Amino acid sequence: MSFKTREILSALALAGLISTGAEGQNLFVGSIPDDAIYQFTPSGARSTFATGLGSPWGLACDPAGKVYECDYGGGYIYEFTPGGGRHTFASGLNGPAAVAFDHNGDLFEADFWGLQIDKFTPDGTRTTFATGLRPAGLAFDGAGNLYAAEYNLGLIYKFAPDGSRSTFASGLGAVFSMAFDRAGNLFASDYGLGWIYEFTPGGTRRTFATGLTEPSGLAFDGAGNLYAAETGRGQIDEFAPDGTRRTFASGVSYCFGLAVSVPEPSATALFGLGALALLAFRRKEVPGG
């Protein structure tokens, strides 16, 4: 999907043309001792998506339905097709802990022991985006800024698209994962304290949830529900937008990374996309359009 197409789809979503429901969105969960990725339907039905991995940590999904996995133990990023077919997207990494996509379709990787963040183009070309930190969780906001959890120092850094860095939050514990909701608020899991924080776009912090056991992975679905992996309990919690909590799944041994599949655009969205494309074409025909 091109950058322009992503921009149009984002505009359609903001205009309410893309369905924001969670229908058809599956949850992918990495289990470290099982060296496996499990897949859950919205109703909670579980199946095995992939096995034979080396400590799956961070997960991410792209709009084509592919799943990307940080193989922390092996130093790989694996790419899985929707059917579970696997190939190596990147190798030679030093403790890949998290992955996240920007609006251009480039994949960013937190190299935990390499003390850097790497950037991969869709064809796999790798460059170094940032150095001098021990990154854990990664997340992009709607403006294309990258947020990175500095595990050692209890910080969250904010990187502008040009790579310039600032401190977004400090005084935290061991933050392992982050995710944005539809309103642009950033949620971060504090593995050591058992808390989930919520930050407004301006950086104001509040405690969203407490009493979790080693929370790691976080992910939102299209309906605004937040999923959190309780690594210590081997369960996945689901938080409704109002903060109501329930157990979504249990018996997932040392679950860590989480990712929700990207929802397909609705028929209304596709109609709107065609209308915008036609409008863009007509503007080209008008001098100065």
C-alpha atoms as a PDB file:
ATOM      1  CA  MET A   1       0.000   0.000   0.000  1.00  0.00           C
ATOM      2  CA  SER A   2       1.446   3.364  -1.050  1.00  0.00           C
ATOM      3  CA  PHE A   3       1.944   6.312   1.262  1.00  0.00           C
ATOM      4  CA  LYS A   4      -0.788   8.276  -0.559  1.00  0.00           C
ATOM      5  CA  THR A   5      -3.207   5.388  -0.166  1.00  0.00           C
ATOM      6  CA  ARG A   6      -2.432   5.230   3.549  1.00  0.00           C
ATOM      7  CA  GLU A   7      -3.033   8.969   3.822  1.00  0.00           C
ATOM      8  CA  ILE A   8      -6.424   8.645   2.117  1.00  0.00           C
ATOM      9  CA  LEU A   9      -7.418   5.688   4.303  1.00  0.00           C
ATOM     10  CA  SER A  10      -6.421   7.663   7.386  1.00  0.00           C
ATOM     11  CA  ALA A  11      -8.545  10.579   6.202  1.00  0.00           C
ATOM     12  CA  LEU A  12     -11.464   8.240   5.575  1.00  0.00           C
ATOM     13  CA  ALA A  13     -11.124   6.797   9.056  1.00  0.00           C
ATOM     14  CA  LEU A  14     -11.193  10.258  10.571  1.00  0.00           C
ATOM     15  CA  ALA A  15     -14.257  11.054   8.487  1.00  0.00           C
ATOM     16  CA  GLY A  16     -16.004   7.960   9.806  1.00  0.00           C
ATOM     17  CA  LEU A  17     -15.961   6.146   6.462  1.00  0.00           C
ATOM     18  CA  ILE A  18     -13.982   3.159   7.736  1.00  0.00           C
ATOM     19  CA  SER A  19     -15.699   0.811  10.121  1.00  0.00           C
ATOM     20  CA  THR A  20     -14.022   0.950  13.523  1.00  0.00           C
ATOM     21  CA  GLY A  21     -15.568  -2.259  14.780  1.00  0.00           C
ATOM     22  CA  ALA A  22     -13.483  -5.212  15.861  1.00  0.00           C
ATOM     23  CA  GLU A  23     -15.192  -7.668  13.513  1.00  0.00           C
ATOM     24  CA  GLY A  24     -12.690  -9.958  11.851  1.00  0.00           C
ATOM     25  CA  GLN A  25      -9.761  -8.667  13.898  1.00  0.00           C
ATOM     26  CA  ASN A  26      -7.716 -11.474  15.375  1.00  0.00           C
ATOM     27  CA  LEU A  27      -5.345 -11.163  18.317  1.00  0.00           C
ATOM     28  CA  PHE A  28      -1.848 -12.650  17.996  1.00  0.00           C
ATOM     29  CA  VAL A  29       0.063 -13.561  21.164  1.00  0.00           C
ATOM     30  CA  GLY A  30       3.657 -14.702  21.538  1.00  0.00           C
ATOM     31  CA  SER A  31       4.456 -17.354  24.163  1.00  0.00           C
ATOM     32  CA  ILE A  32       8.116 -17.398  25.174  1.00  0.00           C
ATOM     33  CA  PRO A  33       8.469 -20.901  26.736  1.00  0.00           C
ATOM     34  CA  ASP A  34       6.277 -22.445  24.027  1.00  0.00           C
ATOM     35  CA  ASP A  35       8.279 -20.647  21.289  1.00  0.00           C
ATOM     36  CA  ALA A  36       4.954 -20.174  19.556  1.00  0.00           C
ATOM     37  CA  ILE A  37       2.454 -17.572  18.370  1.00  0.00           C
ATOM     38  CA  TYR A  38      -1.195 -18.205  19.176  1.00  0.00           C
ATOM     39  CA  GLN A  39      -4.125 -16.642  17.369  1.00  0.00           C
ATOM     40  CA  PHE A  40      -7.415 -15.675  19.024  1.00  0.00           C
ATOM     41  CA  THR A  41     -10.608 -14.758  17.239  1.00  0.00           C
ATOM     42  CA  PRO A  42     -12.696 -11.861  18.644  1.00  0.00           C
ATOM     43  CA  SER A  43     -14.813 -14.454  20.470  1.00  0.00           C
ATOM     44  CA  GLY A  44     -11.730 -15.920  22.161  1.00  0.00           C
ATOM     45  CA  ALA A  45     -11.319 -19.115  20.109  1.00  0.00           C
ATOM     46  CA  ARG A  46      -7.659 -20.089  20.155  1.00  0.00           C
ATOM     47  CA  SER A  47      -5.470 -21.752  17.519  1.00  0.00           C
ATOM     48  CA  THR A  48      -1.735 -22.185  16.979  1.00  0.00           C
ATOM     49  CA  PHE A  49      -0.455 -19.787  14.332  1.00  0.00           C
ATOM     50  CA  ALA A  50       3.292 -20.600  14.381  1.00  0.00           C
ATOM     51  CA  THR A  51       5.747 -22.804  16.272  1.00  0.00           C
ATOM     52  CA  GLY A  52       9.478 -23.456  16.392  1.00  0.00           C
ATOM     53  CA  LEU A  53      10.451 -19.874  17.229  1.00  0.00           C
ATOM     54  CA  GLY A  54      13.139 -18.532  19.563  1.00  0.00           C
ATOM     55  CA  SER A  55      11.488 -16.468  22.315  1.00  0.00           C
ATOM     56  CA  PRO A  56       8.886 -14.393  20.443  1.00  0.00           C
ATOM     57  CA  TRP A  57       8.768 -10.879  21.922  1.00  0.00           C
ATOM     58  CA  GLY A  58       7.271  -8.016  19.936  1.00  0.00           C
ATOM     59  CA  LEU A  59       4.638  -8.545  17.236  1.00  0.00           C
ATOM     60  CA  ALA A  60       3.124  -6.265  14.594  1.00  0.00           C
ATOM     61  CA  CYS A  61       0.597  -6.655  11.773  1.00  0.00           C
ATOM     62  CA  ASP A  62       0.559  -4.860   8.429  1.00  0.00           C
ATOM     63  CA  PRO A  63      -2.471  -3.933   6.270  1.00  0.00           C
ATOM     64  CA  ALA A  64      -1.832  -6.936   3.988  1.00  0.00           C
ATOM     65  CA  GLY A  65      -2.551  -9.324   6.867  1.00  0.00           C
ATOM     66  CA  LYS A  66       1.063 -10.288   7.502  1.00  0.00           C
ATOM     67  CA  VAL A  67       2.417 -10.778  11.014  1.00  0.00           C
ATOM     68  CA  TYR A  68       5.964  -9.726  11.934  1.00  0.00           C
ATOM     69  CA  GLU A  69       7.656 -11.340  14.930  1.00  0.00           C
ATOM     70  CA  CYS A  70      10.743 -10.338  16.906  1.00  0.00           C
ATOM     71  CA  ASP A  71      12.634 -13.573  17.426  1.00  0.00           C
ATOM     72  CA  TYR A  72      14.544 -12.358  20.459  1.00  0.00           C
ATOM     73  CA  GLY A  73      16.526 -15.554  20.974  1.00  0.00           C
ATOM     74  CA  GLY A  74      17.548 -16.018  17.352  1.00  0.00           C
ATOM     75  CA  GLY A  75      18.113 -12.406  16.354  1.00  0.00           C
ATOM     76  CA  TYR A  76      15.588 -12.532  13.519  1.00  0.00           C
ATOM     77  CA  ILE A  77      12.469 -10.770  12.371  1.00  0.00           C
ATOM     78  CA  TYR A  78      10.146 -13.307  10.794  1.00  0.00           C
ATOM     79  CA  GLU A  79       7.359 -12.393   8.399  1.00  0.00           C
ATOM     80  CA  PHE A  80       4.270 -14.610   8.363  1.00  0.00           C
ATOM     81  CA  THR A  81       1.609 -14.656   5.692  1.00  0.00           C
ATOM     82  CA  PRO A  82      -2.038 -14.800   6.850  1.00  0.00           C
ATOM     83  CA  GLY A  83      -1.910 -18.574   6.466  1.00  0.00           C
ATOM     84  CA  GLY A  84       1.138 -18.891   8.700  1.00  0.00           C
ATOM     85  CA  GLY A  85       3.818 -19.293   6.027  1.00  0.00           C
ATOM     86  CA  ARG A  86       7.133 -17.985   7.321  1.00  0.00           C
ATOM     87  CA  HIS A  87      10.186 -16.374   5.835  1.00  0.00           C
ATOM     88  CA  THR A  88      13.090 -14.429   7.323  1.00  0.00           C
ATOM     89  CA  PHE A  89      12.641 -10.679   6.892  1.00  0.00           C
ATOM     90  CA  ALA A  90      15.822  -9.682   8.779  1.00  0.00           C
ATOM     91  CA  SER A  91      18.680 -11.444  10.553  1.00  0.00           C
ATOM     92  CA  GLY A  92      21.798 -10.630  12.526  1.00  0.00           C
ATOM     93  CA  LEU A  93      19.936  -8.560  15.113  1.00  0.00           C
ATOM     94  CA  ASN A  94      20.953  -8.302  18.759  1.00  0.00           C
ATOM     95  CA  GLY A  95      17.880  -8.992  20.879  1.00  0.00           C
ATOM     96  CA  PRO A  96      14.992  -7.682  18.755  1.00  0.00           C
ATOM     97  CA  ALA A  97      12.339  -6.680  21.290  1.00  0.00           C
ATOM     98  CA  ALA A  98       9.636  -4.736  19.445  1.00  0.00           C
ATOM     99  CA  VAL A  99       8.524  -3.727  15.962  1.00  0.00           C
ATOM    100  CA  ALA A 100       6.213  -0.983  14.687  1.00  0.00           C
ATOM    101  CA  PHE A 101       5.188   0.348  11.268  1.00  0.00           C
ATOM    102  CA  ASP A 102       5.215   3.997  10.265  1.00  0.00           C
ATOM    103  CA  HIS A 103       2.789   5.535   7.757  1.00  0.00           C
ATOM    104  CA  ASN A 104       5.174   4.855   4.866  1.00  0.00           C
ATOM    105  CA  GLY A 105       5.166   1.113   5.496  1.00  0.00           C
ATOM    106  CA  ASP A 106       8.695   1.094   6.926  1.00  0.00           C
ATOM    107  CA  LEU A 107       9.297  -1.242   9.850  1.00  0.00           C
ATOM    108  CA  PHE A 108      11.160  -0.026  12.949  1.00  0.00           C
ATOM    109  CA  GLU A 109      12.842  -2.497  15.324  1.00  0.00           C
ATOM    110  CA  ALA A 110      13.993  -2.067  18.918  1.00  0.00           C
ATOM    111  CA  ASP A 111      17.405  -3.748  19.131  1.00  0.00           C
ATOM    112  CA  PHE A 112      17.507  -4.316  22.882  1.00  0.00           C
ATOM    113  CA  TRP A 113      21.119  -5.441  23.283  1.00  0.00           C
ATOM    114  CA  GLY A 114      22.354  -3.525  20.267  1.00  0.00           C
ATOM    115  CA  LEU A 115      21.308  -0.293  22.020  1.00  0.00           C
ATOM    116  CA  GLN A 116      19.711   1.109  18.894  1.00  0.00           C
ATOM    117  CA  ILE A 117      16.565   1.391  16.784  1.00  0.00           C
ATOM    118  CA  ASP A 118      16.760   0.055  13.227  1.00  0.00           C
ATOM    119  CA  LYS A 119      14.608   1.043  10.253  1.00  0.00           C
ATOM    120  CA  PHE A 120      13.700  -1.397   7.471  1.00  0.00           C
ATOM    121  CA  THR A 121      12.157  -0.445   4.156  1.00  0.00           C
ATOM    122  CA  PRO A 122       9.522  -2.847   2.749  1.00  0.00           C
ATOM    123  CA  ASP A 123      12.241  -4.636   0.717  1.00  0.00           C
ATOM    124  CA  GLY A 124      14.255  -5.266   3.887  1.00  0.00           C
ATOM    125  CA  THR A 125      16.942  -2.596   3.482  1.00  0.00           C
ATOM    126  CA  ARG A 126      18.230  -1.734   6.945  1.00  0.00           C
ATOM    127  CA  THR A 127      19.512   1.563   8.343  1.00  0.00           C
ATOM    128  CA  THR A 128      20.187   2.768  11.892  1.00  0.00           C
ATOM    129  CA  PHE A 129      17.552   5.269  13.035  1.00  0.00           C
ATOM    130  CA  ALA A 130      18.749   5.984  16.597  1.00  0.00           C
ATOM    131  CA  THR A 131      21.520   4.885  18.969  1.00  0.00           C
ATOM    132  CA  GLY A 132      22.457   5.277  22.624  1.00  0.00           C
ATOM    133  CA  LEU A 133      19.399   3.741  24.279  1.00  0.00           C
ATOM    134  CA  ARG A 134      18.114   0.339  25.377  1.00  0.00           C
ATOM    135  CA  PRO A 135      14.761   0.281  23.572  1.00  0.00           C
ATOM    136  CA  ALA A 136      11.890  -1.995  24.518  1.00  0.00           C
ATOM    137  CA  GLY A 137       8.432  -0.905  23.303  1.00  0.00           C
ATOM    138  CA  LEU A 138       7.816   1.135  20.144  1.00  0.00           C
ATOM    139  CA  ALA A 139       4.713   2.983  18.950  1.00  0.00           C
ATOM    140  CA  PHE A 140       3.870   5.613  16.303  1.00  0.00           C
ATOM    141  CA  ASP A 141       1.366   8.416  16.748  1.00  0.00           C
ATOM    142  CA  GLY A 142      -0.858   9.799  14.003  1.00  0.00           C
ATOM    143  CA  ALA A 143       1.647  12.508  13.115  1.00  0.00           C
ATOM    144  CA  GLY A 144       4.440  10.014  12.423  1.00  0.00           C
ATOM    145  CA  ASN A 145       6.370  10.526  15.654  1.00  0.00           C
ATOM    146  CA  LEU A 146       8.016   7.421  17.079  1.00  0.00           C
ATOM    147  CA  TYR A 147       7.819   6.736  20.825  1.00  0.00           C
ATOM    148  CA  ALA A 148      10.419   4.406  22.329  1.00  0.00           C
ATOM    149  CA  ALA A 149      10.538   3.021  25.860  1.00  0.00           C
ATOM    150  CA  GLU A 150      14.018   3.284  27.379  1.00  0.00           C
ATOM    151  CA  TYR A 151      14.038   0.203  29.595  1.00  0.00           C
ATOM    152  CA  ASN A 152      17.081   1.033  31.732  1.00  0.00           C
ATOM    153  CA  LEU A 153      16.244   4.637  32.613  1.00  0.00           C
ATOM    154  CA  GLY A 154      12.469   4.523  32.987  1.00  0.00           C
ATOM    155  CA  LEU A 155      11.937   7.010  30.148  1.00  0.00           C
ATOM    156  CA  ILE A 156       9.840   7.299  27.029  1.00  0.00           C
ATOM    157  CA  TYR A 157      11.578   9.102  24.178  1.00  0.00           C
ATOM    158  CA  LYS A 158       9.786  10.841  21.330  1.00  0.00           C
ATOM    159  CA  PHE A 159      11.460  10.879  17.924  1.00  0.00           C
ATOM    160  CA  ALA A 160      10.232  13.283  15.263  1.00  0.00           C
ATOM    161  CA  PRO A 161      10.158  11.947  11.673  1.00  0.00           C
ATOM    162  CA  ASP A 162      13.547  13.638  11.067  1.00  0.00           C
ATOM    163  CA  GLY A 163      15.051  11.621  13.943  1.00  0.00           C
ATOM    164  CA  SER A 164      15.361  14.443  16.484  1.00  0.00           C
ATOM    165  CA  ARG A 165      14.815  13.143  20.011  1.00  0.00           C
ATOM    166  CA  SER A 166      13.128  14.543  23.116  1.00  0.00           C
ATOM    167  CA  THR A 167      12.032  13.055  26.444  1.00  0.00           C
ATOM    168  CA  PHE A 168       8.265  12.530  26.508  1.00  0.00           C
ATOM    169  CA  ALA A 169       7.997  10.938  29.994  1.00  0.00           C
ATOM    170  CA  SER A 170      10.308  10.118  32.895  1.00  0.00           C
ATOM    171  CA  GLY A 171      10.200   8.544  36.338  1.00  0.00           C
ATOM    172  CA  LEU A 172       8.757   5.272  35.074  1.00  0.00           C
ATOM    173  CA  GLY A 173       9.664   1.690  35.873  1.00  0.00           C
ATOM    174  CA  ALA A 174      10.406  -1.049  33.351  1.00  0.00           C
ATOM    175  CA  VAL A 175       8.194  -0.114  30.400  1.00  0.00           C
ATOM    176  CA  PHE A 176       7.992  -2.962  27.908  1.00  0.00           C
ATOM    177  CA  SER A 177       5.178  -2.092  25.523  1.00  0.00           C
ATOM    178  CA  MET A 178       3.155   0.880  24.294  1.00  0.00           C
ATOM    179  CA  ALA A 179       0.068   1.467  22.157  1.00  0.00           C
ATOM    180  CA  PHE A 180      -2.009   4.452  21.028  1.00  0.00           C
ATOM    181  CA  ASP A 181      -5.792   4.656  21.257  1.00  0.00           C
ATOM    182  CA  ARG A 182      -7.960   6.372  18.641  1.00  0.00           C
ATOM    183  CA  ALA A 183      -7.879   9.668  20.546  1.00  0.00           C
ATOM    184  CA  GLY A 184      -4.072   9.823  20.405  1.00  0.00           C
ATOM    185  CA  ASN A 185      -3.459   8.855  24.026  1.00  0.00           C
ATOM    186  CA  LEU A 186      -0.421   6.690  24.676  1.00  0.00           C
ATOM    187  CA  PHE A 187      -0.700   3.621  26.931  1.00  0.00           C
ATOM    188  CA  ALA A 188       2.418   2.036  28.446  1.00  0.00           C
ATOM    189  CA  SER A 189       2.855  -1.132  30.501  1.00  0.00           C
ATOM    190  CA  ASP A 190       5.119  -0.984  33.563  1.00  0.00           C
ATOM    191  CA  TYR A 191       6.404  -4.535  33.868  1.00  0.00           C
ATOM    192  CA  GLY A 192       7.911  -4.098  37.330  1.00  0.00           C
ATOM    193  CA  LEU A 193       5.089  -2.228  39.086  1.00  0.00           C
ATOM    194  CA  GLY A 194       2.222  -4.068  37.403  1.00  0.00           C
ATOM    195  CA  TRP A 195       0.612  -0.852  36.143  1.00  0.00           C
ATOM    196  CA  ILE A 196      -0.608   0.542  32.854  1.00  0.00           C
ATOM    197  CA  TYR A 197      -0.129   4.283  32.339  1.00  0.00           C
ATOM    198  CA  GLU A 198      -2.117   6.573  30.066  1.00  0.00           C
ATOM    199  CA  PHE A 199      -0.535   9.723  28.633  1.00  0.00           C
ATOM    200  CA  THR A 200      -2.376  12.507  26.872  1.00  0.00           C
ATOM    201  CA  PRO A 201      -0.750  13.879  23.692  1.00  0.00           C
ATOM    202  CA  GLY A 202       0.640  16.673  25.846  1.00  0.00           C
ATOM    203  CA  GLY A 203       2.341  14.199  28.211  1.00  0.00           C
ATOM    204  CA  THR A 204      -0.018  14.368  31.213  1.00  0.00           C
ATOM    205  CA  ARG A 205       0.088  10.986  32.947  1.00  0.00           C
ATOM    206  CA  ARG A 206      -2.501   9.024  34.890  1.00  0.00           C
ATOM    207  CA  THR A 207      -2.586   5.417  36.079  1.00  0.00           C
ATOM    208  CA  PHE A 208      -5.059   3.515  33.932  1.00  0.00           C
ATOM    209  CA  ALA A 209      -4.828   0.119  35.671  1.00  0.00           C
ATOM    210  CA  THR A 210      -3.032  -1.473  38.621  1.00  0.00           C
ATOM    211  CA  GLY A 211      -2.681  -4.926  40.135  1.00  0.00           C
ATOM    212  CA  LEU A 212      -1.397  -6.660  37.014  1.00  0.00           C
ATOM    213  CA  THR A 213       1.326  -9.296  37.188  1.00  0.00           C
ATOM    214  CA  GLU A 214       4.245  -8.386  34.914  1.00  0.00           C
ATOM    215  CA  PRO A 215       2.257  -6.677  32.130  1.00  0.00           C
ATOM    216  CA  SER A 216       4.121  -6.675  28.833  1.00  0.00           C
ATOM    217  CA  GLY A 217       2.405  -6.528  25.435  1.00  0.00           C
ATOM    218  CA  LEU A 218      -0.344  -3.990  24.698  1.00  0.00           C
ATOM    219  CA  ALA A 219      -2.609  -3.665  21.650  1.00  0.00           C
ATOM    220  CA  PHE A 220      -5.866  -1.920  20.729  1.00  0.00           C
ATOM    221  CA  ASP A 221      -8.596  -3.307  18.501  1.00  0.00           C
ATOM    222  CA  GLY A 222     -10.785  -1.235  16.192  1.00  0.00           C
ATOM    223  CA  ALA A 223     -13.514  -0.886  18.817  1.00  0.00           C
ATOM    224  CA  GLY A 224     -11.139   0.792  21.266  1.00  0.00           C
ATOM    225  CA  ASN A 225     -10.640  -2.191  23.561  1.00  0.00           C
ATOM    226  CA  LEU A 226      -7.158  -2.515  25.050  1.00  0.00           C
ATOM    227  CA  TYR A 227      -5.553  -5.954  25.372  1.00  0.00           C
ATOM    228  CA  ALA A 228      -2.740  -6.483  27.866  1.00  0.00           C
ATOM    229  CA  ALA A 229      -0.538  -9.553  28.286  1.00  0.00           C
ATOM    230  CA  GLU A 230      -0.076 -10.466  31.950  1.00  0.00           C
ATOM    231  CA  THR A 231       3.150 -12.390  31.578  1.00  0.00           C
ATOM    232  CA  GLY A 232       3.254 -13.534  35.196  1.00  0.00           C
ATOM    233  CA  ARG A 233      -0.288 -14.942  35.117  1.00  0.00           C
ATOM    234  CA  GLY A 234      -0.226 -16.298  31.595  1.00  0.00           C
ATOM    235  CA  GLN A 235      -3.405 -14.468  30.641  1.00  0.00           C
ATOM    236  CA  ILE A 236      -4.685 -11.718  28.366  1.00  0.00           C
ATOM    237  CA  ASP A 237      -6.788  -8.956  29.904  1.00  0.00           C
ATOM    238  CA  GLU A 238      -9.272  -6.897  27.925  1.00  0.00           C
ATOM    239  CA  PHE A 239     -10.084  -3.347  28.990  1.00  0.00           C
ATOM    240  CA  ALA A 240     -13.177  -1.692  27.546  1.00  0.00           C
ATOM    241  CA  PRO A 241     -12.869   2.018  26.639  1.00  0.00           C
ATOM    242  CA  ASP A 242     -14.380   2.899  30.043  1.00  0.00           C
ATOM    243  CA  GLY A 243     -11.645   0.879  31.812  1.00  0.00           C
ATOM    244  CA  THR A 244     -13.796  -2.146  32.690  1.00  0.00           C
ATOM    245  CA  ARG A 245     -11.525  -5.175  32.847  1.00  0.00           C
ATOM    246  CA  ARG A 246     -12.150  -8.838  32.080  1.00  0.00           C
ATOM    247  CA  THR A 247     -10.029 -11.889  31.348  1.00  0.00           C
ATOM    248  CA  PHE A 248     -10.049 -12.458  27.590  1.00  0.00           C
ATOM    249  CA  ALA A 249      -7.853 -15.583  27.556  1.00  0.00           C
ATOM    250  CA  SER A 250      -5.892 -17.654  30.056  1.00  0.00           C
ATOM    251  CA  GLY A 251      -3.405 -20.517  30.003  1.00  0.00           C
ATOM    252  CA  VAL A 252      -0.979 -18.752  27.638  1.00  0.00           C
ATOM    253  CA  SER A 253       2.386 -19.639  29.129  1.00  0.00           C
ATOM    254  CA  TYR A 254       4.530 -16.510  29.708  1.00  0.00           C
ATOM    255  CA  CYS A 255       2.694 -14.505  27.056  1.00  0.00           C
ATOM    256  CA  PHE A 256       4.629 -11.460  25.925  1.00  0.00           C
ATOM    257  CA  GLY A 257       4.114  -9.757  22.574  1.00  0.00           C
ATOM    258  CA  LEU A 258       0.635  -8.793  21.331  1.00  0.00           C
ATOM    259  CA  ALA A 259      -0.708  -7.562  17.998  1.00  0.00           C
ATOM    260  CA  VAL A 260      -4.192  -7.085  16.573  1.00  0.00           C
ATOM    261  CA  SER A 261      -4.752  -7.644  12.858  1.00  0.00           C
ATOM    262  CA  VAL A 262      -5.429  -4.462  10.899  1.00  0.00           C
ATOM    263  CA  PRO A 263      -9.149  -4.220   9.994  1.00  0.00           C
ATOM    264  CA  GLU A 264     -10.154  -4.359   6.368  1.00  0.00           C
ATOM    265  CA  PRO A 265     -11.823  -1.210   4.983  1.00  0.00           C
ATOM    266  CA  SER A 266     -15.607  -1.460   4.747  1.00  0.00           C
ATOM    267  CA  ALA A 267     -17.567  -1.183   1.494  1.00  0.00           C
ATOM    268  CA  THR A 268     -18.445   2.385   2.466  1.00  0.00           C
ATOM    269  CA  ALA A 269     -14.766   3.162   2.867  1.00  0.00           C
ATOM    270  CA  LEU A 270     -13.953   1.729  -0.553  1.00  0.00           C
ATOM    271  CA  PHE A 271     -16.718   3.813  -2.100  1.00  0.00           C
ATOM    272  CA  GLY A 272     -15.343   6.880  -0.339  1.00  0.00           C
ATOM    273  CA  LEU A 273     -11.821   6.012  -1.501  1.00  0.00           C
ATOM    274  CA  GLY A 274     -13.040   5.918  -5.096  1.00  0.00           C
ATOM    275  CA  ALA A 275     -14.762   9.265  -4.632  1.00  0.00           C
ATOM    276  CA  LEU A 276     -11.591  10.843  -3.274  1.00  0.00           C
ATOM    277  CA  ALA A 277      -9.543   9.408  -6.124  1.00  0.00           C
ATOM    278  CA  LEU A 278     -12.024  10.840  -8.641  1.00  0.00           C
ATOM    279  CA  LEU A 279     -11.886  14.197  -6.888  1.00  0.00           C
ATOM    280  CA  ALA A 280      -8.083  14.170  -7.014  1.00  0.00           C
ATOM    281  CA  PHE A 281      -8.176  13.324 -10.728  1.00  0.00           C
ATOM    282  CA  ARG A 282     -10.592  16.159 -11.464  1.00  0.00           C
ATOM    283  CA  ARG A 283      -8.453  18.596  -9.501  1.00  0.00           C
ATOM    284  CA  LYS A 284      -5.546  17.786 -11.793  1.00  0.00           C
ATOM    285  CA  GLU A 285      -7.684  18.849 -14.754  1.00  0.00           C
ATOM    286  CA  VAL A 286      -8.334  22.285 -13.206  1.00  0.00           C
ATOM    287  CA  PRO A 287      -5.454  24.774 -13.532  1.00  0.00           C
ATOM    288  CA  GLY A 288      -4.077  25.475 -10.078  1.00  0.00           C
ATOM    289  CA  GLY A 289      -6.107  22.584  -8.568  1.00  0.00           C
END
